[in-house]
N, C-alpha and C. Protein backbone atom coordinates (compact mmCIF):
# COMPACT_ATOMS: atom_id res chain seq x y z
N MET A 1 62.60 74.20 168.40
CA MET A 1 61.30 74.49 167.84
C MET A 1 60.77 73.23 167.11
N ALA A 2 59.61 72.75 167.33
CA ALA A 2 59.13 71.67 166.57
C ALA A 2 58.96 71.91 165.20
N ARG A 3 59.17 70.94 164.25
CA ARG A 3 58.95 71.00 162.82
C ARG A 3 57.43 71.09 162.57
N ARG A 4 57.06 72.03 161.59
CA ARG A 4 55.71 72.05 161.11
C ARG A 4 55.41 70.78 160.41
N PRO A 5 54.19 70.20 160.59
CA PRO A 5 53.79 69.08 159.74
C PRO A 5 53.71 69.47 158.32
N ARG A 6 53.98 68.52 157.38
CA ARG A 6 53.96 68.91 155.89
C ARG A 6 53.01 68.00 155.27
N ILE A 7 52.20 68.54 154.44
CA ILE A 7 51.24 67.78 153.53
C ILE A 7 51.73 67.97 152.05
N LEU A 8 51.95 66.85 151.41
CA LEU A 8 52.47 66.85 150.06
C LEU A 8 51.36 66.60 149.11
N VAL A 9 50.98 67.55 148.30
CA VAL A 9 49.90 67.45 147.25
C VAL A 9 50.77 66.94 146.01
N ILE A 10 50.35 65.79 145.44
CA ILE A 10 51.10 65.42 144.21
C ILE A 10 50.10 65.48 143.01
N ASN A 11 50.48 66.12 142.06
CA ASN A 11 49.72 66.26 140.69
C ASN A 11 50.24 65.23 139.79
N PRO A 12 49.40 64.13 139.57
CA PRO A 12 50.00 62.93 138.86
C PRO A 12 50.16 63.36 137.26
N ASN A 13 49.62 64.42 136.78
CA ASN A 13 49.98 64.68 135.43
C ASN A 13 51.23 65.59 135.39
N SER A 14 51.91 65.86 134.24
CA SER A 14 53.06 66.59 134.15
C SER A 14 52.79 68.08 133.71
N ASN A 15 51.61 68.53 133.84
CA ASN A 15 51.17 69.92 133.49
C ASN A 15 51.51 70.84 134.66
N GLU A 16 52.51 71.68 134.52
CA GLU A 16 52.88 72.62 135.62
C GLU A 16 51.70 73.64 135.95
N ALA A 17 50.94 73.98 134.79
CA ALA A 17 49.89 74.90 135.05
C ALA A 17 48.79 74.30 135.92
N VAL A 18 48.61 73.07 135.95
CA VAL A 18 47.67 72.46 136.88
C VAL A 18 48.20 72.53 138.30
N THR A 19 49.53 72.09 138.40
CA THR A 19 50.10 72.28 139.78
C THR A 19 50.08 73.67 140.34
N GLU A 20 50.32 74.68 139.52
CA GLU A 20 50.18 75.94 139.96
C GLU A 20 48.66 76.36 140.39
N GLY A 21 47.78 75.85 139.62
CA GLY A 21 46.39 76.01 140.04
C GLY A 21 46.06 75.28 141.42
N LEU A 22 46.74 74.15 141.71
CA LEU A 22 46.66 73.63 142.98
C LEU A 22 47.12 74.46 144.10
N ARG A 23 48.34 75.06 143.87
CA ARG A 23 48.88 75.97 144.85
C ARG A 23 48.02 77.14 145.20
N GLN A 24 47.35 77.64 144.20
CA GLN A 24 46.51 78.80 144.48
C GLN A 24 45.22 78.24 145.19
N ALA A 25 44.76 77.01 144.85
CA ALA A 25 43.61 76.54 145.49
C ALA A 25 43.82 76.32 146.99
N VAL A 26 44.99 75.89 147.38
CA VAL A 26 45.20 75.59 148.83
C VAL A 26 45.68 76.75 149.71
N LYS A 27 45.98 77.92 148.94
CA LYS A 27 46.43 79.06 149.76
C LYS A 27 45.46 79.42 150.98
N PRO A 28 44.13 79.45 150.72
CA PRO A 28 43.28 79.71 151.83
C PRO A 28 43.40 78.83 153.01
N LEU A 29 44.00 77.64 152.84
CA LEU A 29 44.12 76.54 153.97
C LEU A 29 45.42 76.62 154.68
N THR A 30 46.22 77.73 154.25
CA THR A 30 47.54 77.85 155.03
C THR A 30 47.36 78.89 156.02
N TYR A 31 47.93 78.62 157.18
CA TYR A 31 47.92 79.55 158.27
C TYR A 31 49.19 79.41 159.04
N ALA A 32 49.57 80.31 159.94
CA ALA A 32 50.84 80.48 160.62
C ALA A 32 51.31 79.27 161.27
N ASP A 33 50.41 78.67 162.15
CA ASP A 33 50.71 77.46 162.88
C ASP A 33 50.25 76.21 162.28
N GLY A 34 49.79 76.24 161.11
CA GLY A 34 49.28 74.98 160.42
C GLY A 34 50.30 74.34 159.61
N PRO A 35 49.91 73.12 159.08
CA PRO A 35 50.86 72.37 158.21
C PRO A 35 51.37 73.19 157.08
N GLU A 36 52.59 72.86 156.66
CA GLU A 36 53.18 73.39 155.36
C GLU A 36 52.44 72.53 154.30
N ILE A 37 51.90 73.14 153.24
CA ILE A 37 51.38 72.52 152.07
C ILE A 37 52.27 72.57 150.88
N VAL A 38 52.69 71.60 150.39
CA VAL A 38 53.64 71.72 149.27
C VAL A 38 53.00 70.95 148.08
N CYS A 39 52.97 71.58 146.91
CA CYS A 39 52.36 70.89 145.59
C CYS A 39 53.53 70.55 144.73
N GLU A 40 53.58 69.37 144.25
CA GLU A 40 54.62 68.95 143.38
C GLU A 40 53.99 68.28 142.17
N THR A 41 54.70 68.23 141.06
CA THR A 41 54.22 67.64 139.84
C THR A 41 54.99 66.18 139.65
N LEU A 42 54.17 65.25 139.23
CA LEU A 42 54.92 64.00 138.92
C LEU A 42 55.36 64.04 137.57
N ALA A 43 56.71 64.27 137.45
CA ALA A 43 57.39 64.61 136.09
C ALA A 43 57.00 63.50 135.03
N GLU A 44 57.02 62.21 135.51
CA GLU A 44 56.83 61.16 134.47
C GLU A 44 55.35 60.91 134.07
N GLY A 45 54.49 61.66 134.74
CA GLY A 45 53.04 61.50 134.38
C GLY A 45 52.67 61.99 132.95
N PRO A 46 51.47 61.66 132.37
CA PRO A 46 51.14 62.14 131.17
C PRO A 46 50.69 63.68 131.39
N PHE A 47 50.46 64.39 130.24
CA PHE A 47 50.19 65.81 130.29
C PHE A 47 48.85 66.02 130.94
N GLY A 48 48.00 65.10 130.75
CA GLY A 48 46.58 65.05 131.41
C GLY A 48 46.15 63.59 131.74
N VAL A 49 45.78 63.34 132.84
CA VAL A 49 45.21 62.00 133.19
C VAL A 49 43.74 62.00 132.80
N GLU A 50 43.58 61.45 131.54
CA GLU A 50 42.28 61.40 130.83
C GLU A 50 41.67 60.02 130.39
N THR A 51 42.55 59.11 130.49
CA THR A 51 42.02 57.74 130.17
C THR A 51 42.45 56.62 131.29
N GLN A 52 41.73 55.51 131.11
CA GLN A 52 42.18 54.50 131.97
C GLN A 52 43.66 54.11 131.88
N GLU A 53 44.23 54.20 130.64
CA GLU A 53 45.61 53.91 130.43
C GLU A 53 46.46 54.94 131.25
N HIS A 54 46.05 56.23 131.26
CA HIS A 54 46.77 57.27 131.84
C HIS A 54 46.82 56.99 133.40
N VAL A 55 45.53 56.52 133.81
CA VAL A 55 45.42 56.30 135.35
C VAL A 55 46.45 55.16 135.75
N GLU A 56 46.36 53.99 134.97
CA GLU A 56 47.32 52.89 135.27
C GLU A 56 48.67 53.33 135.17
N SER A 57 49.16 54.14 134.31
CA SER A 57 50.57 54.53 134.06
C SER A 57 51.15 55.25 135.22
N VAL A 58 50.31 55.96 136.00
CA VAL A 58 50.92 56.69 137.16
C VAL A 58 50.85 55.96 138.44
N THR A 59 50.17 54.79 138.47
CA THR A 59 50.00 54.05 139.77
C THR A 59 51.31 53.71 140.49
N LEU A 60 52.15 53.08 139.82
CA LEU A 60 53.41 52.68 140.45
C LEU A 60 54.35 53.83 140.68
N PRO A 61 54.40 54.88 139.78
CA PRO A 61 55.24 56.01 140.12
C PRO A 61 54.69 56.69 141.34
N LEU A 62 53.37 56.84 141.49
CA LEU A 62 52.90 57.46 142.70
C LEU A 62 53.31 56.60 143.96
N ARG A 63 53.24 55.30 143.82
CA ARG A 63 53.60 54.47 145.09
C ARG A 63 55.06 54.78 145.33
N ARG A 64 55.88 54.83 144.40
CA ARG A 64 57.32 55.09 144.64
C ARG A 64 57.57 56.42 145.20
N LYS A 65 56.82 57.37 144.68
CA LYS A 65 56.89 58.80 145.21
C LYS A 65 56.58 58.89 146.82
N VAL A 66 55.50 58.15 147.01
CA VAL A 66 54.98 58.13 148.47
C VAL A 66 56.07 57.43 149.37
N GLU A 67 56.48 56.22 148.85
CA GLU A 67 57.44 55.42 149.65
C GLU A 67 58.74 56.22 149.98
N SER A 68 59.15 56.97 148.86
CA SER A 68 60.59 57.57 149.02
C SER A 68 60.57 58.88 149.69
N THR A 69 59.42 59.38 149.97
CA THR A 69 59.26 60.73 150.63
C THR A 69 59.19 60.64 152.02
N ASN A 70 60.30 61.20 152.69
CA ASN A 70 60.38 60.94 154.12
C ASN A 70 59.97 62.17 154.93
N ASP A 71 59.81 63.34 154.26
CA ASP A 71 59.58 64.62 155.07
C ASP A 71 58.08 64.98 154.92
N ALA A 72 57.20 64.12 154.50
CA ALA A 72 55.86 64.53 154.45
C ALA A 72 54.97 63.69 155.46
N ASP A 73 54.01 64.36 156.17
CA ASP A 73 53.25 63.70 157.09
C ASP A 73 51.88 63.23 156.62
N ALA A 74 51.49 63.70 155.43
CA ALA A 74 50.22 63.24 154.77
C ALA A 74 50.52 63.50 153.27
N PHE A 75 49.85 62.75 152.46
CA PHE A 75 49.84 62.94 151.06
C PHE A 75 48.47 63.07 150.42
N ILE A 76 48.36 63.91 149.39
CA ILE A 76 47.13 64.12 148.57
C ILE A 76 47.46 63.57 147.22
N ILE A 77 46.73 62.71 146.54
CA ILE A 77 46.78 62.44 145.17
C ILE A 77 45.77 63.42 144.44
N ALA A 78 46.32 64.35 143.79
CA ALA A 78 45.38 65.32 143.14
C ALA A 78 44.96 65.07 141.79
N CYS A 79 44.27 64.08 141.49
CA CYS A 79 43.60 63.64 140.32
C CYS A 79 42.32 63.06 140.63
N TYR A 80 41.30 63.41 139.88
CA TYR A 80 39.85 62.99 140.23
C TYR A 80 39.61 61.52 140.00
N SER A 81 40.59 60.83 139.37
CA SER A 81 40.37 59.44 139.29
C SER A 81 41.02 58.67 140.50
N ASP A 82 41.63 59.30 141.43
CA ASP A 82 42.36 58.72 142.52
C ASP A 82 43.28 57.66 142.07
N PRO A 83 44.17 57.79 141.22
CA PRO A 83 45.02 56.91 140.62
C PRO A 83 46.15 56.49 141.72
N GLY A 84 46.28 55.16 141.77
CA GLY A 84 47.35 54.69 142.80
C GLY A 84 46.93 54.92 144.20
N LEU A 85 45.80 55.34 144.61
CA LEU A 85 45.36 55.52 146.00
C LEU A 85 45.62 54.34 146.88
N PHE A 86 45.18 53.29 146.43
CA PHE A 86 45.17 52.12 147.32
C PHE A 86 46.51 51.45 147.46
N VAL A 87 47.17 51.34 146.39
CA VAL A 87 48.60 50.85 146.41
C VAL A 87 49.48 51.87 147.07
N ALA A 88 49.25 53.15 147.01
CA ALA A 88 50.13 54.15 147.81
C ALA A 88 49.84 53.92 149.20
N ARG A 89 48.70 53.67 149.55
CA ARG A 89 48.40 53.51 151.11
C ARG A 89 49.10 52.27 151.59
N GLU A 90 49.29 51.31 150.72
CA GLU A 90 50.02 50.11 151.15
C GLU A 90 51.46 50.42 151.45
N GLY A 91 51.98 51.51 150.82
CA GLY A 91 53.42 51.79 150.89
C GLY A 91 53.81 52.74 151.96
N THR A 92 52.88 53.16 152.81
CA THR A 92 53.20 54.07 153.86
C THR A 92 52.31 53.88 155.13
N SER A 93 52.74 54.27 156.36
CA SER A 93 51.78 54.18 157.47
C SER A 93 51.23 55.69 157.62
N ARG A 94 51.63 56.60 156.79
CA ARG A 94 51.02 58.00 156.94
C ARG A 94 49.71 58.07 156.00
N PRO A 95 48.89 58.89 156.37
CA PRO A 95 47.65 58.98 155.64
C PRO A 95 47.82 59.49 154.19
N VAL A 96 47.02 58.81 153.23
CA VAL A 96 47.01 59.16 151.86
C VAL A 96 45.57 59.51 151.46
N PHE A 97 45.40 60.62 150.97
CA PHE A 97 44.00 61.07 150.54
C PHE A 97 43.84 61.20 149.07
N GLY A 98 42.73 60.62 148.62
CA GLY A 98 42.50 60.95 147.10
C GLY A 98 41.47 62.03 146.95
N ILE A 99 41.54 62.87 146.07
CA ILE A 99 40.73 64.00 145.96
C ILE A 99 39.30 63.60 145.43
N ALA A 100 39.14 62.60 144.66
CA ALA A 100 37.73 62.20 144.41
C ALA A 100 36.97 61.72 145.58
N GLU A 101 37.58 60.83 146.38
CA GLU A 101 37.00 60.30 147.58
C GLU A 101 36.62 61.48 148.48
N CYS A 102 37.56 62.35 148.73
CA CYS A 102 37.35 63.48 149.64
C CYS A 102 36.26 64.45 149.25
N GLY A 103 36.33 64.66 147.92
CA GLY A 103 35.44 65.71 147.26
C GLY A 103 33.92 65.27 147.40
N VAL A 104 33.69 63.97 147.06
CA VAL A 104 32.50 63.33 147.19
C VAL A 104 31.82 63.34 148.54
N LEU A 105 32.69 62.97 149.54
CA LEU A 105 32.27 62.89 150.88
C LEU A 105 31.98 64.24 151.48
N THR A 106 32.77 65.31 151.01
CA THR A 106 32.48 66.71 151.41
C THR A 106 31.21 67.12 150.92
N ALA A 107 30.87 66.73 149.54
CA ALA A 107 29.58 67.19 148.99
C ALA A 107 28.47 66.50 149.73
N LEU A 108 28.63 65.34 150.20
CA LEU A 108 27.51 64.66 150.88
C LEU A 108 27.20 65.28 152.25
N SER A 109 28.19 66.12 152.81
CA SER A 109 27.98 66.80 154.02
C SER A 109 27.25 68.15 153.79
N ARG A 110 27.06 68.54 152.49
CA ARG A 110 26.43 69.78 152.06
C ARG A 110 25.13 69.64 151.40
N ALA A 111 24.81 68.38 150.92
CA ALA A 111 23.63 68.29 150.10
C ALA A 111 23.20 66.76 150.14
N ASP A 112 22.02 66.46 149.92
CA ASP A 112 21.32 65.17 149.84
C ASP A 112 21.96 64.47 148.56
N ARG A 113 21.97 65.14 147.48
CA ARG A 113 22.36 64.60 146.20
C ARG A 113 23.39 65.52 145.54
N PHE A 114 24.41 65.08 144.98
CA PHE A 114 25.47 65.89 144.38
C PHE A 114 25.61 65.59 142.96
N GLY A 115 26.06 66.51 142.13
CA GLY A 115 26.54 66.39 140.78
C GLY A 115 27.98 66.55 140.62
N VAL A 116 28.56 65.92 139.42
CA VAL A 116 29.91 66.01 139.10
C VAL A 116 30.05 66.61 137.80
N ILE A 117 30.95 67.65 137.62
CA ILE A 117 31.35 68.19 136.27
C ILE A 117 32.67 67.38 135.87
N ALA A 118 32.48 66.69 134.72
CA ALA A 118 33.63 65.82 134.19
C ALA A 118 34.31 66.63 133.20
N ILE A 119 35.53 66.29 132.88
CA ILE A 119 36.25 66.97 131.65
C ILE A 119 35.72 66.44 130.40
N LYS A 120 35.54 65.14 130.31
CA LYS A 120 35.10 64.54 129.09
C LYS A 120 34.05 63.38 129.29
N SER A 121 33.31 62.95 128.26
CA SER A 121 32.37 61.90 128.45
C SER A 121 33.02 60.62 128.79
N ARG A 122 34.23 60.45 128.28
CA ARG A 122 34.90 59.13 128.42
C ARG A 122 35.38 58.98 129.91
N SER A 123 35.47 60.07 130.63
CA SER A 123 35.88 60.00 132.07
C SER A 123 34.69 59.51 132.85
N ILE A 124 33.52 59.67 132.50
CA ILE A 124 32.30 59.44 133.33
C ILE A 124 32.24 57.96 133.64
N PRO A 125 32.37 56.98 132.72
CA PRO A 125 32.29 55.58 133.10
C PRO A 125 33.33 55.18 134.17
N ARG A 126 34.49 55.77 134.17
CA ARG A 126 35.55 55.49 135.17
C ARG A 126 35.03 56.07 136.62
N HIS A 127 34.50 57.20 136.54
CA HIS A 127 33.98 57.85 137.82
C HIS A 127 32.79 57.03 138.37
N ILE A 128 31.95 56.61 137.47
CA ILE A 128 30.76 55.90 138.00
C ILE A 128 31.21 54.48 138.56
N ARG A 129 32.20 53.92 137.93
CA ARG A 129 32.70 52.64 138.62
C ARG A 129 33.17 52.86 140.00
N TYR A 130 33.93 53.92 140.26
CA TYR A 130 34.35 54.30 141.52
C TYR A 130 33.26 54.60 142.53
N LEU A 131 32.29 55.33 142.06
CA LEU A 131 31.08 55.67 142.97
C LEU A 131 30.36 54.43 143.28
N ARG A 132 30.25 53.44 142.37
CA ARG A 132 29.68 52.19 142.63
C ARG A 132 30.43 51.44 143.69
N GLN A 133 31.74 51.50 143.65
CA GLN A 133 32.54 50.85 144.56
C GLN A 133 32.33 51.48 145.89
N MET A 134 32.18 52.72 145.91
CA MET A 134 32.07 53.35 147.26
C MET A 134 30.54 53.30 147.83
N GLY A 135 29.61 52.74 146.98
CA GLY A 135 28.32 52.55 147.52
C GLY A 135 27.45 53.81 147.52
N LEU A 136 27.82 54.77 146.55
CA LEU A 136 27.14 56.06 146.59
C LEU A 136 26.38 56.40 145.40
N MET A 137 25.93 55.53 144.55
CA MET A 137 25.28 55.76 143.30
C MET A 137 23.87 56.41 143.68
N GLU A 138 23.29 56.09 144.74
CA GLU A 138 21.94 56.58 145.05
C GLU A 138 22.01 58.01 145.42
N ARG A 139 23.15 58.63 145.77
CA ARG A 139 23.33 59.96 146.00
C ARG A 139 23.79 60.81 144.94
N LEU A 140 24.08 60.16 143.87
CA LEU A 140 24.55 60.97 142.75
C LEU A 140 23.39 61.33 141.80
N ALA A 141 23.31 62.75 141.73
CA ALA A 141 22.27 63.33 140.85
C ALA A 141 22.53 63.08 139.43
N GLY A 142 23.84 63.35 139.04
CA GLY A 142 24.18 63.21 137.66
C GLY A 142 25.59 63.68 137.48
N GLU A 143 26.26 63.30 136.31
CA GLU A 143 27.49 63.76 136.00
C GLU A 143 27.52 64.14 134.50
N ARG A 144 27.97 65.37 134.18
CA ARG A 144 27.96 65.85 132.93
C ARG A 144 29.30 66.43 132.55
N PRO A 145 29.80 66.31 131.14
CA PRO A 145 31.09 66.58 130.79
C PRO A 145 31.24 68.03 130.23
N LEU A 146 32.33 68.61 130.28
CA LEU A 146 32.74 69.81 129.60
C LEU A 146 33.04 69.57 128.19
N GLU A 147 33.59 68.39 127.85
CA GLU A 147 34.23 68.00 126.62
C GLU A 147 35.47 68.90 126.41
N MET A 148 36.28 68.98 127.48
CA MET A 148 37.57 69.78 127.25
C MET A 148 38.56 68.94 127.88
N SER A 149 39.85 69.30 127.45
CA SER A 149 41.00 68.52 128.04
C SER A 149 41.39 69.17 129.53
N VAL A 150 42.18 68.38 130.15
CA VAL A 150 42.79 68.91 131.41
C VAL A 150 43.48 70.26 131.22
N ALA A 151 44.20 70.30 130.20
CA ALA A 151 45.02 71.50 129.98
C ALA A 151 44.04 72.64 129.67
N GLU A 152 42.95 72.39 128.94
CA GLU A 152 41.96 73.51 128.59
C GLU A 152 41.33 73.98 129.84
N THR A 153 40.89 73.07 130.73
CA THR A 153 40.24 73.40 131.98
C THR A 153 41.18 74.27 132.87
N ALA A 154 42.45 73.94 132.87
CA ALA A 154 43.38 74.71 133.64
C ALA A 154 43.72 76.09 133.22
N SER A 155 43.71 76.25 131.87
CA SER A 155 44.33 77.56 131.35
C SER A 155 43.52 78.08 130.10
N GLY A 156 42.49 77.31 129.67
CA GLY A 156 41.79 77.78 128.46
C GLY A 156 40.82 78.82 128.70
N ASP A 157 40.42 79.57 127.56
CA ASP A 157 39.44 80.68 127.67
C ASP A 157 38.07 79.95 127.51
N GLY A 158 37.17 80.49 128.23
CA GLY A 158 35.73 80.06 128.16
C GLY A 158 35.34 78.85 128.99
N THR A 159 36.43 78.44 129.89
CA THR A 159 36.28 77.30 130.72
C THR A 159 35.09 77.60 131.71
N LEU A 160 35.12 78.79 132.40
CA LEU A 160 34.15 79.11 133.35
C LEU A 160 32.76 79.10 132.88
N ALA A 161 32.60 79.73 131.61
CA ALA A 161 31.32 79.91 131.02
C ALA A 161 30.66 78.45 130.81
N ARG A 162 31.54 77.60 130.28
CA ARG A 162 31.11 76.18 130.14
C ARG A 162 30.71 75.46 131.39
N MET A 163 31.47 75.68 132.38
CA MET A 163 31.25 75.14 133.70
C MET A 163 30.02 75.54 134.20
N ILE A 164 29.65 76.83 134.12
CA ILE A 164 28.51 77.38 134.58
C ILE A 164 27.20 76.63 133.83
N THR A 165 27.30 76.63 132.54
CA THR A 165 26.29 76.00 131.74
C THR A 165 25.99 74.50 132.27
N VAL A 166 27.08 73.78 132.40
CA VAL A 166 26.97 72.36 132.78
C VAL A 166 26.44 72.38 134.26
N GLY A 167 26.94 73.21 135.08
CA GLY A 167 26.57 73.19 136.52
C GLY A 167 25.09 73.41 136.58
N ARG A 168 24.52 74.45 135.74
CA ARG A 168 23.05 74.69 135.86
C ARG A 168 22.33 73.53 135.39
N GLU A 169 22.83 72.73 134.36
CA GLU A 169 22.10 71.52 134.10
C GLU A 169 21.97 70.56 135.13
N LEU A 170 23.09 70.35 135.84
CA LEU A 170 23.22 69.50 136.92
C LEU A 170 22.23 69.97 138.12
N LYS A 171 22.23 71.22 138.34
CA LYS A 171 21.31 71.76 139.38
C LYS A 171 19.77 71.73 138.91
N ASP A 172 19.49 72.18 137.82
CA ASP A 172 18.13 72.44 137.33
C ASP A 172 17.42 71.21 136.74
N LEU A 173 18.28 70.38 136.09
CA LEU A 173 17.67 69.20 135.33
C LEU A 173 17.94 68.00 136.04
N ASP A 174 18.99 67.84 136.89
CA ASP A 174 19.28 66.68 137.55
C ASP A 174 19.05 66.65 139.06
N GLY A 175 18.77 67.94 139.60
CA GLY A 175 18.50 67.98 140.93
C GLY A 175 19.64 68.02 141.89
N ALA A 176 20.87 68.31 141.46
CA ALA A 176 22.00 68.33 142.40
C ALA A 176 21.87 69.54 143.37
N GLY A 177 22.22 69.20 144.56
CA GLY A 177 22.30 70.25 145.61
C GLY A 177 23.68 70.71 145.90
N ALA A 178 24.64 70.02 145.40
CA ALA A 178 25.95 70.49 145.41
C ALA A 178 26.69 69.91 144.32
N ILE A 179 27.83 70.63 143.92
CA ILE A 179 28.62 70.25 142.70
C ILE A 179 30.02 69.93 143.13
N VAL A 180 30.54 68.82 142.57
CA VAL A 180 31.96 68.48 142.75
C VAL A 180 32.66 68.68 141.35
N MET A 181 33.64 69.41 141.46
CA MET A 181 34.48 69.72 140.15
C MET A 181 35.40 68.54 139.89
N GLY A 182 35.13 67.74 138.87
CA GLY A 182 35.70 66.48 138.62
C GLY A 182 37.08 66.44 137.99
N CYS A 183 37.97 67.39 138.27
CA CYS A 183 39.18 67.58 137.67
C CYS A 183 40.08 68.63 138.59
N ALA A 184 41.30 68.17 138.93
CA ALA A 184 42.15 69.12 139.64
C ALA A 184 42.37 70.42 138.91
N GLY A 185 42.32 70.40 137.49
CA GLY A 185 42.62 71.50 136.68
C GLY A 185 41.56 72.52 136.76
N MET A 186 40.40 72.29 137.39
CA MET A 186 39.31 73.29 137.44
C MET A 186 39.43 74.17 138.61
N ALA A 187 40.42 74.05 139.54
CA ALA A 187 40.44 74.64 140.80
C ALA A 187 40.24 76.14 140.87
N ARG A 188 40.77 76.87 139.79
CA ARG A 188 40.61 78.31 139.91
C ARG A 188 39.20 78.78 139.77
N HIS A 189 38.36 77.83 139.18
CA HIS A 189 36.88 78.38 138.94
C HIS A 189 35.99 78.11 140.03
N ARG A 190 36.33 77.57 141.19
CA ARG A 190 35.45 77.20 142.23
C ARG A 190 34.47 78.36 142.73
N LYS A 191 35.09 79.40 143.21
CA LYS A 191 34.36 80.49 143.74
C LYS A 191 33.38 81.17 142.77
N PRO A 192 33.81 81.55 141.51
CA PRO A 192 32.95 82.14 140.64
C PRO A 192 31.90 81.16 140.17
N LEU A 193 32.19 79.93 140.12
CA LEU A 193 31.13 78.86 139.68
C LEU A 193 30.03 78.81 140.92
N GLU A 194 30.44 78.88 142.13
CA GLU A 194 29.59 78.71 143.25
C GLU A 194 28.70 80.00 143.23
N ASP A 195 29.24 81.15 143.04
CA ASP A 195 28.48 82.39 143.00
C ASP A 195 27.40 82.36 141.91
N ALA A 196 27.85 81.82 140.74
CA ALA A 196 26.88 81.75 139.66
C ALA A 196 25.73 80.86 139.84
N LEU A 197 26.03 79.66 140.53
CA LEU A 197 25.03 78.56 140.69
C LEU A 197 24.20 78.64 141.95
N GLY A 198 24.61 79.31 142.94
CA GLY A 198 24.00 79.46 144.24
C GLY A 198 23.87 78.26 145.10
N ILE A 199 24.64 77.20 144.72
CA ILE A 199 24.71 76.12 145.61
C ILE A 199 26.19 75.78 145.97
N PRO A 200 26.55 74.82 147.05
CA PRO A 200 27.93 74.57 147.18
C PRO A 200 28.75 74.07 146.03
N VAL A 201 29.89 74.38 145.68
CA VAL A 201 30.67 73.87 144.78
C VAL A 201 32.04 73.43 145.49
N ILE A 202 32.29 72.16 145.35
CA ILE A 202 33.42 71.59 146.11
C ILE A 202 34.61 71.44 145.19
N ASP A 203 35.71 72.04 145.63
CA ASP A 203 37.07 71.75 144.88
C ASP A 203 37.60 70.52 145.69
N PRO A 204 37.89 69.34 145.03
CA PRO A 204 38.20 68.13 145.58
C PRO A 204 39.58 68.26 146.26
N THR A 205 40.39 69.05 145.68
CA THR A 205 41.80 69.16 146.37
C THR A 205 41.67 69.97 147.64
N GLN A 206 40.80 70.99 147.71
CA GLN A 206 40.59 71.63 148.94
C GLN A 206 40.04 70.80 149.89
N ALA A 207 39.12 69.93 149.50
CA ALA A 207 38.45 69.02 150.38
C ALA A 207 39.41 68.00 151.00
N ALA A 208 40.27 67.46 150.18
CA ALA A 208 41.35 66.44 150.63
C ALA A 208 42.30 67.16 151.52
N VAL A 209 42.87 68.33 151.25
CA VAL A 209 43.70 69.02 152.12
C VAL A 209 43.11 69.39 153.53
N THR A 210 41.84 69.75 153.51
CA THR A 210 41.18 70.07 154.74
C THR A 210 41.11 68.82 155.63
N MET A 211 40.75 67.68 155.01
CA MET A 211 40.77 66.39 155.78
C MET A 211 42.04 66.13 156.32
N ALA A 212 43.20 66.30 155.46
CA ALA A 212 44.49 66.01 155.96
C ALA A 212 44.94 66.91 157.13
N ILE A 213 44.66 68.27 157.06
CA ILE A 213 44.80 69.14 158.19
C ILE A 213 44.22 68.72 159.43
N GLY A 214 42.87 68.30 159.35
CA GLY A 214 42.11 67.92 160.53
C GLY A 214 42.77 66.56 160.99
N THR A 215 43.15 65.65 160.19
CA THR A 215 43.83 64.28 160.67
C THR A 215 45.07 64.65 161.36
N LEU A 216 45.92 65.57 160.92
CA LEU A 216 47.25 65.83 161.51
C LEU A 216 46.99 66.64 162.77
N ALA A 217 45.96 67.51 162.79
CA ALA A 217 45.76 68.26 164.06
C ALA A 217 45.38 67.42 165.30
N VAL A 218 44.56 66.31 165.02
CA VAL A 218 44.14 65.45 166.12
C VAL A 218 45.08 64.26 166.32
N GLY A 219 45.96 64.12 165.36
CA GLY A 219 46.94 62.88 165.41
C GLY A 219 47.93 62.86 166.46
């Protein structure tokens, strides 16, 4: 019997609550004959990837993780800054997906202009640099922060209510036709947020895993 393909989803921060949220987010994408989807925590990562220093600190550990993992057919870097994405791709011939890149590309297939919910204001310049690099600034309606930590978005009270408020601002004031959740820790709030806003809400980890499944299916 042939081995099922395996997709490894790597949480670059060391917060296990975020990793558990990822597991719950990808459950709808699992099916009997489909790839095995495994979510792991990068133990040496910071508790939340919230600054450029945090991003840089996990780049080489992610590269080593990808290089040393021999039983995965595709990799997902589950942090909205896509840390280490390009250097990890240099370390393997297997596909490596970043959730920010995949989340934005998925949003573009659902609406002309998209908005992003960030965790904090200081995350936004980093995200904007990436979107400029991707050549997608004209499609960005806006990005607004929750002013919460990664840990708070993953397990804190009041997160969904705050996300709904910010999401409505992106929709009604900025003209976003779809929303990308700009942190892997927001995963559990996707469906209720979409129900509240009435427009597509993209969980970037789900978007990346969906792309990986398709890539492996036709590969």
